[in-house]
């Protein structure tokens, strides 16, 4: 029998019947062509993956060469953190927000009692946005690289809490410091100087603490987007609790009787109440900070170089580290995708809306609703305390909304909920403008105090504003933390990037709101009108531009 040809051997290996050589030759070439095509497809797939890796590498090349090739610290793998522990970690927000509530409700009226005109009171708040512009991104960058045995975030949280306690002591004793240095008149420049110094330290400390707190929650939840939203909702809930306690403390006018040593020749009853409230704040921030850092059990970064300092900088002086930070921050901004820019834009417009309210809420109640002026009768002080009560109601609604937020976002989408809440905020600001007009018409008729209907309406507006405020405190952070991971940024630096979209509008409002109000005859109405427009624009942008995800089925969380 004649030997088989090569093509026949191929067919026999696959159990094909013998065929004529003239017909088997094309089948052989077809099979070889098929193999060639499979090989080419695999090469294309490999090439696509390689290009994807090159793109990721190009993003990282925004960091200087000396920083990229050093022995960088690597985060250790941590186990899934139970929600009850996340709840305890988020509790530090309660202590931070307690002091922030006192700051919001009492310090704008207090600095006017020290002699600062209303038109310039907002400039005092400029130090907060300016410190946040640099401090929070820099602290986030440093905490991403911190190799302390206590963890990456906890050293910064503890240091910030200590600075908060130090700063509120200075603010509470600013009148006494001014008296000691020679202040005797109605305008007390030395007391104002001490106040501004303490205020600046307080804002630095708030930014130094809050960013690492949120970054710590993002670290503990990993890439689970739903758990990240839940953790931020916990944070927002504790902010609401801190607000309730802080505003309730600020609305009570008898603290100087409980702490009689706070009442001095330089410090009247309002000043003594402020000083006493800050003593309570120190105790509160100490307790909540301990609970949070004890529950975190943060795993330190694993450094490849044992001689690496606690915060890994580039070789040389701290200037190199600062340069690396700026390169990494601004170098990665150009790689932001469209949804990230939309989130930053909506955040900026949202805070143009919020900041006039946060600056002048109690001042609006004292001036426009009660018709008072600082240091000119009891109406203004009564209005300020009533405004603090309204802010307490605001915080109650904020807390309830924080509990329901996860279900709302899961059903309707986070962007849609954010947009609707901002439109509601705009409607509330418009209602405040209408109520201002009504209250002024009542005061012109000679009434000493406003009717109960006007006061109740003002308190109701304050309470309703708690709903959009809860969304503002939670949803943007969850959205940015889940979308910025692809850029290779640490959670600390990602929170710093979002913070830029918050503090830059605050700088604009701080510089412009006082002169803007003065241009239209004083008062707070012009700033609230701008706030309403910005809030409405941010709401429409969020609804139309932030992609909506479909309804998600609830999953078990432990």
Foldseek 3Di string as FASTA:
>chain_A
DDDDDPLQVVCVVVPHDDDDPVVSVVVVVVVVVVVVVVVVVVVVVVVVVVVVVVVLVVLVPLFDPLVVPDQAWAADDDDQDAVVLLLLLLLLLLLLLLVVLLCLLAVLLVLVQLPDDNLQSLLLVLLLLVLLLPLLLLLLLQLVRFQDQLHSQLVLQVVLLVLLLVLLLQLLCLLVQQVVVPDDDSHRVSSSVSNSVSVNSNSSSSSSNPLSSLLLQCVNNDLPLLSNLLSLLSNLLSSLNSLLNNLVLLLDQCQCVVVVVLDDPRAHSNSSSSSSSSVVSSVSSVVSSVSNSVSSPHHGTHTPDPPADRGHAGPDDCVRRVVSSVSSQVSNVVVDDPLLVLLLLLLLLLLLLCQLCSNCQLVQQQCQQQNDDRPGDCSNVNSSSLSSVLSSLLSVLLNVLSVCVSVVCLAWNLLLQLLVLLLVSLVLLVVSLVLSVVNVVVVVVPDNHHDPVSSVVSSVSSNSNSNSVSSSSRSSLSVQSNRCVSSVDRSSNSSSSSSVSNSVSSSVCSVPQSVQQVVVPHDSSRSSNSSSVSSNVSSVSSNPPNDGDHRDDDDDGD
